[in-house]
Structure formats: structure tokens, C-alpha cells
Amino acid sequence: LHEKLYENKSLKEIEVALYTNELIQFIK
């Protein structure tokens, strides 16, 4: 989550779809 935040320009919010897909890949 912190990785997605510092990669995002807004630094306030994340794109749920991208975060979910990466989280799924990590858990798998």
C-alpha cells in the first residue's frame, strides 16, 4: 500500500484495481 502511494502522484489515494491485482499476485 505504501509503495502504491509513493508511486501515485496524489500521494493521498490509490487505484483499487491495480493494488488488488498486485496484492493477489503476492499472496499467490
PDB file of all heavy atoms in Angstrom:
ATOM      1  N   LEU A   1       0.833  -1.206   0.000  1.00  0.00           N
ATOM      2  CA  LEU A   1       0.000   0.000   0.000  1.00  0.00           C
ATOM      3  C   LEU A   1       0.866   1.253   0.000  1.00  0.00           C
ATOM      4  O   LEU A   1       0.621   2.190  -0.776  1.00  0.00           O
ATOM      5  CB  LEU A   1      -0.919  -0.019   1.226  1.00  0.00           C
ATOM      6  CG  LEU A   1      -1.798   1.217   1.436  1.00  0.00           C
ATOM      7  CD1 LEU A   1      -2.783   1.381   0.276  1.00  0.00           C
ATOM      8  CD2 LEU A   1      -2.558   1.119   2.755  1.00  0.00           C
ATOM      9  N   HIS A   2       1.889   1.290   0.861  1.00  0.00           N
ATOM     10  CA  HIS A   2       2.790   2.452   0.888  1.00  0.00           C
ATOM     11  C   HIS A   2       3.560   2.589  -0.419  1.00  0.00           C
ATOM     12  O   HIS A   2       3.826   3.697  -0.892  1.00  0.00           O
ATOM     13  CB  HIS A   2       3.770   2.328   2.063  1.00  0.00           C
ATOM     14  CG  HIS A   2       3.152   2.635   3.386  1.00  0.00           C
ATOM     15  ND1 HIS A   2       2.938   3.928   3.822  1.00  0.00           N
ATOM     16  CD2 HIS A   2       2.683   1.829   4.369  1.00  0.00           C
ATOM     17  CE1 HIS A   2       2.381   3.904   5.017  1.00  0.00           C
ATOM     18  NE2 HIS A   2       2.209   2.641   5.382  1.00  0.00           N
ATOM     19  N   GLU A   3       3.885   1.464  -1.029  1.00  0.00           N
ATOM     20  CA  GLU A   3       4.574   1.505  -2.320  1.00  0.00           C
ATOM     21  C   GLU A   3       3.688   2.147  -3.379  1.00  0.00           C
ATOM     22  O   GLU A   3       4.137   2.981  -4.166  1.00  0.00           O
ATOM     23  CB  GLU A   3       4.964   0.088  -2.721  1.00  0.00           C
ATOM     24  CG  GLU A   3       5.727   0.030  -4.054  1.00  0.00           C
ATOM     25  CD  GLU A   3       6.087  -1.393  -4.445  1.00  0.00           C
ATOM     26  OE1 GLU A   3       6.010  -2.286  -3.583  1.00  0.00           O
ATOM     27  OE2 GLU A   3       6.438  -1.605  -5.621  1.00  0.00           O
ATOM     28  N   LYS A   4       2.410   1.771  -3.396  1.00  0.00           N
ATOM     29  CA  LYS A   4       1.474   2.351  -4.364  1.00  0.00           C
ATOM     30  C   LYS A   4       1.264   3.849  -4.107  1.00  0.00           C
ATOM     31  O   LYS A   4       1.084   4.627  -5.047  1.00  0.00           O
ATOM     32  CB  LYS A   4       0.128   1.626  -4.301  1.00  0.00           C
ATOM     33  CG  LYS A   4       0.137   0.190  -4.779  1.00  0.00           C
ATOM     34  CD  LYS A   4       0.430   0.121  -6.252  1.00  0.00           C
ATOM     35  CE  LYS A   4       1.615  -0.777  -6.532  1.00  0.00           C
ATOM     36  NZ  LYS A   4       2.110  -0.708  -7.890  1.00  0.00           N
ATOM     37  N   LEU A   5       1.296   4.233  -2.847  1.00  0.00           N
ATOM     38  CA  LEU A   5       1.071   5.653  -2.516  1.00  0.00           C
ATOM     39  C   LEU A   5       2.225   6.524  -2.989  1.00  0.00           C
ATOM     40  O   LEU A   5       2.014   7.600  -3.544  1.00  0.00           O
ATOM     41  CB  LEU A   5       0.860   5.816  -1.002  1.00  0.00           C
ATOM     42  CG  LEU A   5      -0.526   5.409  -0.485  1.00  0.00           C
ATOM     43  CD1 LEU A   5      -0.538   5.369   1.026  1.00  0.00           C
ATOM     44  CD2 LEU A   5      -1.593   6.388  -0.986  1.00  0.00           C
ATOM     45  N   TYR A   6       3.472   6.091  -2.756  1.00  0.00           N
ATOM     46  CA  TYR A   6       4.574   6.966  -3.189  1.00  0.00           C
ATOM     47  C   TYR A   6       4.785   6.905  -4.701  1.00  0.00           C
ATOM     48  O   TYR A   6       5.399   7.792  -5.287  1.00  0.00           O
ATOM     49  CB  TYR A   6       5.858   6.703  -2.407  1.00  0.00           C
ATOM     50  CG  TYR A   6       6.664   5.480  -2.792  1.00  0.00           C
ATOM     51  CD1 TYR A   6       7.387   5.423  -3.994  1.00  0.00           C
ATOM     52  CD2 TYR A   6       6.777   4.396  -1.924  1.00  0.00           C
ATOM     53  CE1 TYR A   6       8.139   4.322  -4.326  1.00  0.00           C
ATOM     54  CE2 TYR A   6       7.544   3.288  -2.255  1.00  0.00           C
ATOM     55  CZ  TYR A   6       8.218   3.261  -3.460  1.00  0.00           C
ATOM     56  OH  TYR A   6       8.976   2.165  -3.806  1.00  0.00           O
ATOM     57  N   GLU A   7       4.260   5.858  -5.349  1.00  0.00           N
ATOM     58  CA  GLU A   7       4.308   5.827  -6.818  1.00  0.00           C
ATOM     59  C   GLU A   7       3.205   6.686  -7.422  1.00  0.00           C
ATOM     60  O   GLU A   7       3.334   7.155  -8.557  1.00  0.00           O
ATOM     61  CB  GLU A   7       4.156   4.377  -7.307  1.00  0.00           C
ATOM     62  CG  GLU A   7       5.385   3.522  -7.063  1.00  0.00           C
ATOM     63  CD  GLU A   7       5.174   2.088  -7.514  1.00  0.00           C
ATOM     64  OE1 GLU A   7       4.026   1.768  -7.907  1.00  0.00           O
ATOM     65  OE2 GLU A   7       6.138   1.309  -7.477  1.00  0.00           O
ATOM     66  N   ASN A   8       2.122   6.887  -6.668  1.00  0.00           N
ATOM     67  CA  ASN A   8       0.996   7.693  -7.162  1.00  0.00           C
ATOM     68  C   ASN A   8       1.320   9.173  -7.021  1.00  0.00           C
ATOM     69  O   ASN A   8       1.927   9.618  -6.049  1.00  0.00           O
ATOM     70  CB  ASN A   8      -0.266   7.356  -6.349  1.00  0.00           C
ATOM     71  CG  ASN A   8      -1.522   7.790  -7.081  1.00  0.00           C
ATOM     72  OD1 ASN A   8      -1.467   8.556  -8.035  1.00  0.00           O
ATOM     73  ND2 ASN A   8      -2.660   7.313  -6.628  1.00  0.00           N
ATOM     74  N   LYS A   9       0.855   9.976  -7.997  1.00  0.00           N
ATOM     75  CA  LYS A   9       1.146  11.420  -7.990  1.00  0.00           C
ATOM     76  C   LYS A   9       0.443  12.142  -6.859  1.00  0.00           C
ATOM     77  O   LYS A   9       0.945  13.113  -6.316  1.00  0.00           O
ATOM     78  CB  LYS A   9       0.755  12.039  -9.328  1.00  0.00           C
ATOM     79  CG  LYS A   9       1.607  11.562 -10.490  1.00  0.00           C
ATOM     80  CD  LYS A   9       1.188  12.240 -11.788  1.00  0.00           C
ATOM     81  CE  LYS A   9       2.060  11.770 -12.949  1.00  0.00           C
ATOM     82  NZ  LYS A   9       1.653  12.417 -14.229  1.00  0.00           N
ATOM     83  N   SER A  10      -0.766  11.695  -6.507  1.00  0.00           N
ATOM     84  CA  SER A  10      -1.542  12.411  -5.499  1.00  0.00           C
ATOM     85  C   SER A  10      -1.029  12.172  -4.079  1.00  0.00           C
ATOM     86  O   SER A  10      -1.225  13.000  -3.202  1.00  0.00           O
ATOM     87  CB  SER A  10      -3.018  12.003  -5.575  1.00  0.00           C
ATOM     88  OG  SER A  10      -3.187  10.682  -5.115  1.00  0.00           O
ATOM     89  N   LEU A  11      -0.396  11.021  -3.821  1.00  0.00           N
ATOM     90  CA  LEU A  11       0.123  10.645  -2.502  1.00  0.00           C
ATOM     91  C   LEU A  11      -0.978  10.534  -1.454  1.00  0.00           C
ATOM     92  O   LEU A  11      -0.705  10.404  -0.268  1.00  0.00           O
ATOM     93  CB  LEU A  11       1.176  11.656  -2.004  1.00  0.00           C
ATOM     94  CG  LEU A  11       2.440  11.792  -2.857  1.00  0.00           C
ATOM     95  CD1 LEU A  11       3.307  12.915  -2.330  1.00  0.00           C
ATOM     96  CD2 LEU A  11       3.218  10.483  -2.861  1.00  0.00           C
ATOM     97  N   LYS A  12      -2.226  10.618  -1.877  1.00  0.00           N
ATOM     98  CA  LYS A  12      -3.345  10.566  -0.930  1.00  0.00           C
ATOM     99  C   LYS A  12      -4.210   9.335  -1.128  1.00  0.00           C
ATOM    100  O   LYS A  12      -4.849   8.858  -0.189  1.00  0.00           O
ATOM    101  CB  LYS A  12      -4.236  11.805  -1.100  1.00  0.00           C
ATOM    102  CG  LYS A  12      -3.647  13.088  -0.577  1.00  0.00           C
ATOM    103  CD  LYS A  12      -4.583  14.245  -0.841  1.00  0.00           C
ATOM    104  CE  LYS A  12      -5.926  14.039  -0.179  1.00  0.00           C
ATOM    105  NZ  LYS A  12      -6.880  15.126  -0.462  1.00  0.00           N
ATOM    106  N   GLU A  13      -4.240   8.808  -2.343  1.00  0.00           N
ATOM    107  CA  GLU A  13      -5.156   7.716  -2.637  1.00  0.00           C
ATOM    108  C   GLU A  13      -4.524   6.738  -3.612  1.00  0.00           C
ATOM    109  O   GLU A  13      -3.545   7.071  -4.297  1.00  0.00           O
ATOM    110  CB  GLU A  13      -6.454   8.273  -3.225  1.00  0.00           C
ATOM    111  CG  GLU A  13      -6.251   9.119  -4.470  1.00  0.00           C
ATOM    112  CD  GLU A  13      -7.521   9.802  -4.939  1.00  0.00           C
ATOM    113  OE1 GLU A  13      -8.425   9.978  -4.123  1.00  0.00           O
ATOM    114  OE2 GLU A  13      -7.581  10.153  -6.138  1.00  0.00           O
ATOM    115  N   ILE A  14      -5.083   5.551  -3.645  1.00  0.00           N
ATOM    116  CA  ILE A  14      -4.565   4.519  -4.542  1.00  0.00           C
ATOM    117  C   ILE A  14      -5.682   4.043  -5.463  1.00  0.00           C
ATOM    118  O   ILE A  14      -6.865   4.168  -5.138  1.00  0.00           O
ATOM    119  CB  ILE A  14      -3.990   3.318  -3.756  1.00  0.00           C
ATOM    120  CG1 ILE A  14      -5.109   2.643  -2.936  1.00  0.00           C
ATOM    121  CG2 ILE A  14      -2.836   3.731  -2.879  1.00  0.00           C
ATOM    122  CD1 ILE A  14      -4.742   1.271  -2.459  1.00  0.00           C
ATOM    123  N   GLU A  15      -5.257   3.497  -6.593  1.00  0.00           N
ATOM    124  CA  GLU A  15      -6.205   2.891  -7.517  1.00  0.00           C
ATOM    125  C   GLU A  15      -6.444   1.455  -7.061  1.00  0.00           C
ATOM    126  O   GLU A  15      -5.526   0.617  -7.045  1.00  0.00           O
ATOM    127  CB  GLU A  15      -5.636   2.926  -8.933  1.00  0.00           C
ATOM    128  CG  GLU A  15      -6.606   2.443  -9.990  1.00  0.00           C
ATOM    129  CD  GLU A  15      -5.994   2.490 -11.376  1.00  0.00           C
ATOM    130  OE1 GLU A  15      -4.981   3.193 -11.563  1.00  0.00           O
ATOM    131  OE2 GLU A  15      -6.530   1.797 -12.271  1.00  0.00           O
ATOM    132  N   VAL A  16      -7.674   1.166  -6.674  1.00  0.00           N
ATOM    133  CA  VAL A  16      -8.001  -0.107  -6.035  1.00  0.00           C
ATOM    134  C   VAL A  16      -7.724  -1.297  -6.954  1.00  0.00           C
ATOM    135  O   VAL A  16      -7.192  -2.331  -6.509  1.00  0.00           O
ATOM    136  CB  VAL A  16      -9.478  -0.119  -5.584  1.00  0.00           C
ATOM    137  CG1 VAL A  16      -9.862  -1.484  -5.020  1.00  0.00           C
ATOM    138  CG2 VAL A  16      -9.712   0.959  -4.532  1.00  0.00           C
ATOM    139  N   ALA A  17      -8.069  -1.187  -8.220  1.00  0.00           N
ATOM    140  CA  ALA A  17      -7.902  -2.303  -9.154  1.00  0.00           C
ATOM    141  C   ALA A  17      -6.436  -2.722  -9.248  1.00  0.00           C
ATOM    142  O   ALA A  17      -6.096  -3.920  -9.171  1.00  0.00           O
ATOM    143  CB  ALA A  17      -8.448  -1.933 -10.524  1.00  0.00           C
ATOM    144  N   LEU A  18      -5.536  -1.752  -9.413  1.00  0.00           N
ATOM    145  CA  LEU A  18      -4.110  -2.050  -9.537  1.00  0.00           C
ATOM    146  C   LEU A  18      -3.558  -2.646  -8.240  1.00  0.00           C
ATOM    147  O   LEU A  18      -2.814  -3.640  -8.253  1.00  0.00           O
ATOM    148  CB  LEU A  18      -3.359  -0.769  -9.897  1.00  0.00           C
ATOM    149  CG  LEU A  18      -1.852  -0.902 -10.114  1.00  0.00           C
ATOM    150  CD1 LEU A  18      -1.564  -1.845 -11.287  1.00  0.00           C
ATOM    151  CD2 LEU A  18      -1.230   0.467 -10.379  1.00  0.00           C
ATOM    152  N   TYR A  19      -3.957  -2.032  -7.114  1.00  0.00           N
ATOM    153  CA  TYR A  19      -3.492  -2.522  -5.811  1.00  0.00           C
ATOM    154  C   TYR A  19      -3.988  -3.948  -5.547  1.00  0.00           C
ATOM    155  O   TYR A  19      -3.228  -4.815  -5.093  1.00  0.00           O
ATOM    156  CB  TYR A  19      -3.976  -1.568  -4.717  1.00  0.00           C
ATOM    157  CG  TYR A  19      -3.711  -2.048  -3.314  1.00  0.00           C
ATOM    158  CD1 TYR A  19      -2.411  -2.194  -2.834  1.00  0.00           C
ATOM    159  CD2 TYR A  19      -4.763  -2.372  -2.455  1.00  0.00           C
ATOM    160  CE1 TYR A  19      -2.166  -2.631  -1.535  1.00  0.00           C
ATOM    161  CE2 TYR A  19      -4.531  -2.811  -1.162  1.00  0.00           C
ATOM    162  CZ  TYR A  19      -3.230  -2.945  -0.708  1.00  0.00           C
ATOM    163  OH  TYR A  19      -2.989  -3.376   0.573  1.00  0.00           O
ATOM    164  N   THR A  20      -5.237  -4.218  -5.854  1.00  0.00           N
ATOM    165  CA  THR A  20      -5.820  -5.546  -5.623  1.00  0.00           C
ATOM    166  C   THR A  20      -5.115  -6.613  -6.454  1.00  0.00           C
ATOM    167  O   THR A  20      -4.787  -7.703  -5.959  1.00  0.00           O
ATOM    168  CB  THR A  20      -7.320  -5.523  -5.953  1.00  0.00           C
ATOM    169  OG1 THR A  20      -7.974  -4.557  -5.134  1.00  0.00           O
ATOM    170  CG2 THR A  20      -7.946  -6.890  -5.706  1.00  0.00           C
ATOM    171  N   ASN A  21      -4.861  -6.302  -7.724  1.00  0.00           N
ATOM    172  CA  ASN A  21      -4.208  -7.283  -8.603  1.00  0.00           C
ATOM    173  C   ASN A  21      -2.787  -7.607  -8.126  1.00  0.00           C
ATOM    174  O   ASN A  21      -2.369  -8.767  -8.134  1.00  0.00           O
ATOM    175  CB  ASN A  21      -4.172  -6.763 -10.037  1.00  0.00           C
ATOM    176  CG  ASN A  21      -5.553  -6.767 -10.677  1.00  0.00           C
ATOM    177  OD1 ASN A  21      -6.400  -7.599 -10.348  1.00  0.00           O
ATOM    178  ND2 ASN A  21      -5.798  -5.824 -11.579  1.00  0.00           N
ATOM    179  N   GLU A  22      -2.051  -6.606  -7.674  1.00  0.00           N
ATOM    180  CA  GLU A  22      -0.693  -6.856  -7.189  1.00  0.00           C
ATOM    181  C   GLU A  22      -0.720  -7.615  -5.869  1.00  0.00           C
ATOM    182  O   GLU A  22       0.141  -8.474  -5.606  1.00  0.00           O
ATOM    183  CB  GLU A  22       0.058  -5.528  -7.036  1.00  0.00           C
ATOM    184  CG  GLU A  22       0.369  -4.859  -8.360  1.00  0.00           C
ATOM    185  CD  GLU A  22       1.451  -3.797  -8.236  1.00  0.00           C
ATOM    186  OE1 GLU A  22       2.210  -3.848  -7.258  1.00  0.00           O
ATOM    187  OE2 GLU A  22       1.519  -2.930  -9.125  1.00  0.00           O
ATOM    188  N   LEU A  23      -1.712  -7.267  -5.013  1.00  0.00           N
ATOM    189  CA  LEU A  23      -1.836  -7.984  -3.745  1.00  0.00           C
ATOM    190  C   LEU A  23      -2.170  -9.461  -3.980  1.00  0.00           C
ATOM    191  O   LEU A  23      -1.621 -10.361  -3.313  1.00  0.00           O
ATOM    192  CB  LEU A  23      -2.922  -7.335  -2.884  1.00  0.00           C
ATOM    193  CG  LEU A  23      -3.146  -7.921  -1.482  1.00  0.00           C
ATOM    194  CD1 LEU A  23      -1.884  -7.777  -0.647  1.00  0.00           C
ATOM    195  CD2 LEU A  23      -4.321  -7.228  -0.798  1.00  0.00           C
ATOM    196  N   ILE A  24      -3.023  -9.739  -4.953  1.00  0.00           N
ATOM    197  CA  ILE A  24      -3.386 -11.123  -5.287  1.00  0.00           C
ATOM    198  C   ILE A  24      -2.150 -11.886  -5.772  1.00  0.00           C
ATOM    199  O   ILE A  24      -1.902 -13.040  -5.365  1.00  0.00           O
ATOM    200  CB  ILE A  24      -4.495 -11.140  -6.354  1.00  0.00           C
ATOM    201  CG1 ILE A  24      -5.816 -10.662  -5.758  1.00  0.00           C
ATOM    202  CG2 ILE A  24      -4.660 -12.538  -6.948  1.00  0.00           C
ATOM    203  CD1 ILE A  24      -6.916 -10.425  -6.778  1.00  0.00           C
ATOM    204  N   GLN A  25      -1.368 -11.254  -6.645  1.00  0.00           N
ATOM    205  CA  GLN A  25      -0.166 -11.910  -7.165  1.00  0.00           C
ATOM    206  C   GLN A  25       0.809 -12.240  -6.042  1.00  0.00           C
ATOM    207  O   GLN A  25       1.414 -13.324  -6.010  1.00  0.00           O
ATOM    208  CB  GLN A  25       0.514 -11.018  -8.216  1.00  0.00           C
ATOM    209  CG  GLN A  25      -0.271 -10.838  -9.495  1.00  0.00           C
ATOM    210  CD  GLN A  25      -0.561 -12.159 -10.191  1.00  0.00           C
ATOM    211  OE1 GLN A  25       0.307 -13.049 -10.272  1.00  0.00           O
ATOM    212  NE2 GLN A  25      -1.790 -12.317 -10.684  1.00  0.00           N
ATOM    213  N   PHE A  26       0.954 -11.315  -5.094  1.00  0.00           N
ATOM    214  CA  PHE A  26       1.876 -11.553  -3.976  1.00  0.00           C
ATOM    215  C   PHE A  26       1.397 -12.721  -3.114  1.00  0.00           C
ATOM    216  O   PHE A  26       2.179 -13.606  -2.738  1.00  0.00           O
ATOM    217  CB  PHE A  26       2.005 -10.288  -3.124  1.00  0.00           C
ATOM    218  CG  PHE A  26       2.623 -10.530  -1.786  1.00  0.00           C
ATOM    219  CD1 PHE A  26       3.980 -10.792  -1.666  1.00  0.00           C
ATOM    220  CD2 PHE A  26       1.837 -10.553  -0.626  1.00  0.00           C
ATOM    221  CE1 PHE A  26       4.551 -11.048  -0.414  1.00  0.00           C
ATOM    222  CE2 PHE A  26       2.396 -10.802   0.606  1.00  0.00           C
ATOM    223  CZ  PHE A  26       3.760 -11.056   0.717  1.00  0.00           C
ATOM    224  N   ILE A  27       0.096 -12.747  -2.796  1.00  0.00           N
ATOM    225  CA  ILE A  27      -0.447 -13.819  -1.947  1.00  0.00           C
ATOM    226  C   ILE A  27      -0.322 -15.168  -2.656  1.00  0.00           C
ATOM    227  O   ILE A  27       0.041 -16.190  -2.035  1.00  0.00           O
ATOM    228  CB  ILE A  27      -1.914 -13.526  -1.582  1.00  0.00           C
ATOM    229  CG1 ILE A  27      -1.999 -12.256  -0.714  1.00  0.00           C
ATOM    230  CG2 ILE A  27      -2.532 -14.692  -0.834  1.00  0.00           C
ATOM    231  CD1 ILE A  27      -3.412 -11.786  -0.446  1.00  0.00           C
ATOM    232  N   LYS A  28      -0.588 -15.202  -3.941  1.00  0.00           N
ATOM    233  CA  LYS A  28      -0.478 -16.455  -4.698  1.00  0.00           C
ATOM    234  C   LYS A  28       0.956 -16.976  -4.671  1.00  0.00           C
ATOM    235  O   LYS A  28       1.194 -18.180  -4.523  1.00  0.00           O
ATOM    236  CB  LYS A  28      -0.939 -16.240  -6.140  1.00  0.00           C
ATOM    237  CG  LYS A  28      -2.442 -16.059  -6.261  1.00  0.00           C
ATOM    238  CD  LYS A  28      -2.843 -15.726  -7.690  1.00  0.00           C
ATOM    239  CE  LYS A  28      -2.712 -16.927  -8.595  1.00  0.00           C
ATOM    240  NZ  LYS A  28      -3.254 -16.651  -9.939  1.00  0.00           N
TER     241      LYS A  28
END
